[in-house]
Amino acid sequence: MIRSVTTAVALCLLNSGATLAEPRILAYGDSNTWGWIPSEAGFPTTRYPDSVRWPGVMEAALEESLKNVTVIVDGLSGRTVNTGYTEAQNGIAGEAFAGLEDIRATVAAALPLDLVVVMLGTNDARSDLSVDPKAVGADVIKLVEEIRSLDGGVATTYSTPSVLVVAPPAIGDTSATPISAITQGSQERSRAVAASILAAGGAADIDVFDAGEVVTIDSIDGVHMTAPMHGALGRALADLAAVMLVTDQ
């Protein structure tokens, strides 16, 4: 099911009297979930404070309506849906960057959870990885299935969380940045990746949201979100998460 902010707001109004006991959410993604601050040099960088990153914005917005919300953040710069790197990155094994490799352990470690929000696909559009955009959508479905089949984690009785997949916003202009060498043609590929995720999610009746509805990447490096972009995405996802937390309980 493709979620929209308009639909979410309407449903929130219908369910405004509902309450939940201390909901827990996992935000799982790449550098745009970690909070990478874009710069002209490209890297190295630091990250935005928790209150600025979209998971923090989402948490603050949900606190206003649902109270006592906890958002756990697992953002790894360079993470893909299902593609490892041929070489280690800063001492981290290349295969460790594939979301499908560690999603089960990550979710199990964070249980109990009511909702997992997944935003991946930007790095799958890198020119040096040669990933077929159509395959990304299929792999996102596999990742969701991994979460849904976890069945309580490691020797626990916790229920399976709901999942919201976020198709990432398209990459912007990187031609004048140091990362241009690995992002040749990535604008078009990133749009194809997002389209693939949305189509696959819709066909599989998985909750998906197009971040491109609220975010356009025009930052200095063409890849990473600015603080206002994080704010826009966090507020939109808070509306969607509120609906899912209430209707899926």
Protein backbone atom coordinates (compact mmCIF):
# COMPACT_ATOMS: atom_id res chain seq x y z
CA MET A 1 0.00 0.00 0.00
CA ILE A 2 1.45 3.35 -1.03
CA ARG A 3 1.02 5.75 1.86
CA SER A 4 0.52 9.49 1.41
CA VAL A 5 0.76 12.30 3.94
CA THR A 6 -2.77 13.45 3.09
CA THR A 7 -4.21 10.02 3.83
CA ALA A 8 -2.25 9.80 7.06
CA VAL A 9 -3.44 13.14 8.39
CA ALA A 10 -7.06 12.24 7.69
CA LEU A 11 -6.75 8.89 9.46
CA CYS A 12 -4.99 10.49 12.42
CA LEU A 13 -7.97 12.77 12.88
CA LEU A 14 -10.29 9.77 12.84
CA ASN A 15 -8.19 7.99 15.45
CA SER A 16 -7.29 11.02 17.56
CA GLY A 17 -8.69 9.40 20.69
CA ALA A 18 -6.48 6.32 20.49
CA THR A 19 -3.50 5.81 22.78
CA LEU A 20 -0.54 3.43 22.91
CA ALA A 21 1.70 2.34 25.74
CA GLU A 22 5.22 3.66 25.03
CA PRO A 23 5.59 2.71 21.34
CA ARG A 24 9.08 1.82 20.08
CA ILE A 25 10.27 2.44 16.52
CA LEU A 26 13.46 1.42 14.72
CA ALA A 27 14.73 3.73 11.97
CA TYR A 28 16.98 1.65 9.70
CA GLY A 29 18.91 3.22 6.84
CA ASP A 30 22.09 4.72 5.45
CA SER A 31 23.92 8.05 5.81
CA ASN A 32 20.71 10.05 5.43
CA THR A 33 19.38 8.23 8.48
CA TRP A 34 22.70 8.53 10.31
CA GLY A 35 22.50 12.29 9.71
CA TRP A 36 25.43 13.05 7.38
CA ILE A 37 25.97 16.80 7.06
CA PRO A 38 26.57 17.68 3.38
CA SER A 39 29.68 19.69 2.60
CA GLU A 40 31.45 21.00 -0.48
CA ALA A 41 34.44 18.76 0.21
CA GLY A 42 32.16 15.71 0.35
CA PHE A 43 33.93 14.05 3.28
CA PRO A 44 34.96 13.65 6.03
CA THR A 45 31.94 15.01 7.84
CA THR A 46 30.00 14.95 11.09
CA ARG A 47 26.31 14.41 11.68
CA TYR A 48 23.36 16.51 12.69
CA PRO A 49 22.22 16.44 16.34
CA ASP A 50 19.55 13.89 17.22
CA SER A 51 16.87 16.58 17.32
CA VAL A 52 17.63 17.63 13.71
CA ARG A 53 17.81 14.22 12.02
CA TRP A 54 14.55 12.89 10.61
CA PRO A 55 14.23 10.10 13.22
CA GLY A 56 14.53 12.69 15.98
CA VAL A 57 12.05 15.01 14.29
CA MET A 58 9.66 12.08 13.90
CA GLU A 59 10.04 11.15 17.55
CA ALA A 60 9.36 14.71 18.74
CA ALA A 61 6.27 15.00 16.55
CA LEU A 62 4.91 11.64 17.73
CA GLU A 63 5.50 12.63 21.36
CA GLU A 64 2.94 15.40 20.91
CA SER A 65 0.17 12.94 20.06
CA LEU A 66 1.14 9.51 21.37
CA LYS A 67 3.51 10.32 24.30
CA ASN A 68 6.51 8.30 25.53
CA VAL A 69 7.72 7.35 22.05
CA THR A 70 11.20 5.85 21.62
CA VAL A 71 12.93 5.92 18.23
CA ILE A 72 16.07 3.78 17.92
CA VAL A 73 18.36 4.79 15.06
CA ASP A 74 20.53 2.38 13.05
CA GLY A 75 21.98 4.37 10.16
CA LEU A 76 25.18 3.15 8.51
CA SER A 77 26.81 5.35 5.89
CA GLY A 78 27.23 3.40 2.67
CA ARG A 79 24.56 0.81 3.52
CA THR A 80 22.74 -0.76 0.57
CA VAL A 81 19.73 -3.03 0.30
CA ASN A 82 21.58 -6.17 -0.77
CA THR A 83 24.95 -5.30 -2.29
CA GLY A 84 28.27 -5.57 -0.51
CA TYR A 85 31.49 -3.81 -1.41
CA THR A 86 34.41 -5.74 -2.85
CA GLU A 87 36.75 -4.25 -0.23
CA ALA A 88 36.42 -3.36 3.43
CA GLN A 89 35.33 0.21 4.15
CA ASN A 90 37.28 1.77 7.03
CA GLY A 91 37.86 -1.68 8.48
CA ILE A 92 34.23 -2.78 8.12
CA ALA A 93 33.78 -5.86 5.94
CA GLY A 94 32.28 -4.99 2.57
CA GLU A 95 29.44 -7.49 2.90
CA ALA A 96 28.39 -5.92 6.21
CA PHE A 97 26.96 -2.96 4.29
CA ALA A 98 24.20 -5.08 2.72
CA GLY A 99 20.99 -4.54 4.69
CA LEU A 100 19.77 -8.06 4.02
CA GLU A 101 22.86 -9.39 5.81
CA ASP A 102 22.15 -7.81 9.18
CA ILE A 103 18.51 -6.73 9.33
CA ARG A 104 17.40 -9.75 11.38
CA ALA A 105 20.09 -9.27 14.03
CA THR A 106 19.48 -5.52 14.14
CA VAL A 107 15.74 -5.90 14.65
CA ALA A 108 16.20 -8.70 17.19
CA ALA A 109 18.59 -6.54 19.21
CA ALA A 110 16.09 -3.67 19.29
CA LEU A 111 13.00 -5.66 20.32
CA PRO A 112 10.39 -5.00 21.51
CA LEU A 113 9.35 -2.88 18.53
CA ASP A 114 6.03 -1.65 17.22
CA LEU A 115 7.32 -0.33 13.89
CA VAL A 116 10.42 -0.53 11.69
CA VAL A 117 10.97 2.30 9.21
CA VAL A 118 13.37 1.33 6.42
CA MET A 119 14.91 3.89 4.06
CA LEU A 120 17.53 2.39 1.76
CA GLY A 121 18.34 2.56 -1.95
CA THR A 122 20.47 5.67 -2.38
CA ASN A 123 23.76 3.77 -2.37
CA ASP A 124 22.32 1.14 -4.68
CA ALA A 125 22.26 3.91 -7.32
CA ARG A 126 26.05 4.36 -7.16
CA SER A 127 27.72 3.91 -10.53
CA ASP A 128 30.52 1.76 -9.08
CA LEU A 129 28.12 -0.91 -7.79
CA SER A 130 26.24 -1.56 -11.05
CA VAL A 131 23.01 -2.58 -9.31
CA ASP A 132 19.94 -3.15 -11.48
CA PRO A 133 17.29 -0.72 -10.13
CA LYS A 134 14.57 -3.30 -10.76
CA ALA A 135 16.36 -5.75 -8.48
CA VAL A 136 16.39 -3.24 -5.62
CA GLY A 137 12.61 -3.31 -5.29
CA ALA A 138 12.59 -7.10 -5.16
CA ASP A 139 15.35 -7.09 -2.54
CA VAL A 140 13.45 -4.58 -0.39
CA ILE A 141 10.56 -7.04 -0.34
CA LYS A 142 12.97 -9.75 0.82
CA LEU A 143 14.21 -7.43 3.56
CA VAL A 144 10.66 -6.82 4.76
CA GLU A 145 10.04 -10.57 4.74
CA GLU A 146 13.13 -11.05 6.92
CA ILE A 147 11.64 -8.68 9.49
CA ARG A 148 8.21 -10.27 9.33
CA SER A 149 9.59 -13.79 9.74
CA LEU A 150 11.75 -12.98 12.76
CA ASP A 151 9.09 -14.46 15.06
CA GLY A 152 10.06 -12.97 18.40
CA GLY A 153 13.79 -12.54 17.92
CA VAL A 154 16.15 -14.60 20.08
CA ALA A 155 14.21 -16.64 22.63
CA THR A 156 11.63 -13.92 23.33
CA THR A 157 7.87 -13.66 23.01
CA TYR A 158 7.74 -10.22 21.40
CA SER A 159 5.37 -9.78 18.48
CA THR A 160 6.48 -8.92 14.95
CA PRO A 161 6.61 -5.16 14.30
CA SER A 162 4.86 -3.40 11.44
CA VAL A 163 7.12 -2.17 8.62
CA LEU A 164 7.08 1.10 6.68
CA VAL A 165 9.39 1.28 3.65
CA VAL A 166 10.50 4.72 2.50
CA ALA A 167 11.65 5.10 -1.10
CA PRO A 168 14.55 7.58 -0.86
CA PRO A 169 14.53 10.95 -2.62
CA ALA A 170 16.35 11.12 -5.95
CA ILE A 171 20.01 12.09 -5.95
CA GLY A 172 20.68 15.66 -7.08
CA ASP A 173 23.51 17.21 -9.08
CA THR A 174 26.86 15.74 -8.01
CA SER A 175 28.89 16.82 -11.05
CA ALA A 176 30.93 19.43 -9.17
CA THR A 177 31.58 17.31 -6.08
CA PRO A 178 34.35 14.86 -5.12
CA ILE A 179 31.84 11.99 -5.20
CA SER A 180 31.02 12.53 -8.87
CA ALA A 181 33.25 9.58 -9.82
CA ILE A 182 30.92 7.11 -8.10
CA THR A 183 27.66 8.87 -8.96
CA GLN A 184 27.82 9.13 -12.74
CA GLY A 185 24.26 8.67 -13.96
CA SER A 186 23.04 8.26 -10.39
CA GLN A 187 20.30 10.86 -10.72
CA GLU A 188 18.44 8.74 -13.24
CA ARG A 189 19.27 5.47 -11.49
CA SER A 190 18.09 6.79 -8.11
CA ARG A 191 14.75 7.76 -9.63
CA ALA A 192 14.51 4.25 -11.09
CA VAL A 193 15.40 2.72 -7.71
CA ALA A 194 12.66 4.70 -5.96
CA ALA A 195 10.16 3.74 -8.64
CA SER A 196 11.14 0.09 -8.28
CA ILE A 197 10.68 0.19 -4.50
CA LEU A 198 7.29 1.88 -4.77
CA ALA A 199 6.07 -0.54 -7.43
CA ALA A 200 7.30 -3.64 -5.60
CA GLY A 201 5.89 -2.46 -2.28
CA GLY A 202 2.53 -1.64 -3.80
CA ALA A 203 2.32 -5.01 -5.54
CA ALA A 204 3.23 -6.87 -2.34
CA ASP A 205 0.77 -4.84 -0.21
CA ILE A 206 3.62 -3.42 1.86
CA ASP A 207 3.33 0.06 3.32
CA VAL A 208 5.58 2.34 1.26
CA PHE A 209 6.09 6.09 1.14
CA ASP A 210 7.82 8.19 -1.51
CA ALA A 211 10.21 10.57 0.27
CA GLY A 212 10.35 12.52 -2.98
CA GLU A 213 6.89 13.85 -2.10
CA VAL A 214 8.40 16.05 0.60
CA VAL A 215 12.15 16.19 -0.14
CA THR A 216 14.12 17.36 -3.18
CA ILE A 217 17.87 16.89 -2.82
CA ASP A 218 19.51 20.17 -3.81
CA SER A 219 22.20 20.19 -1.12
CA ILE A 220 25.81 21.13 -1.82
CA ASP A 221 26.88 17.50 -2.34
CA GLY A 222 23.74 16.39 -4.18
CA VAL A 223 23.22 13.30 -2.04
CA HIS A 224 22.64 14.19 1.59
CA MET A 225 19.72 15.99 3.16
CA THR A 226 19.94 19.41 4.75
CA ALA A 227 18.39 20.17 8.14
CA PRO A 228 15.13 21.50 6.61
CA MET A 229 14.88 18.34 4.49
CA HIS A 230 15.26 16.19 7.59
CA GLY A 231 12.54 18.23 9.23
CA ALA A 232 10.13 17.82 6.33
CA LEU A 233 10.71 14.07 6.11
CA GLY A 234 10.51 13.55 9.86
CA ARG A 235 7.19 15.35 10.14
CA ALA A 236 5.72 13.45 7.18
CA LEU A 237 6.83 10.10 8.59
CA ALA A 238 5.44 10.99 12.01
CA ASP A 239 1.98 11.36 10.46
CA LEU A 240 2.33 8.01 8.73
CA ALA A 241 3.78 6.26 11.78
CA ALA A 242 0.95 7.54 13.98
CA VAL A 243 -1.59 5.94 11.68
CA MET A 244 0.25 2.63 11.54
CA LEU A 245 0.84 2.49 15.29
CA VAL A 246 -2.85 3.02 15.96
CA THR A 247 -4.37 0.89 13.20
CA ASP A 248 -1.90 -2.02 13.39
CA GLN A 249 -2.05 -2.54 17.15
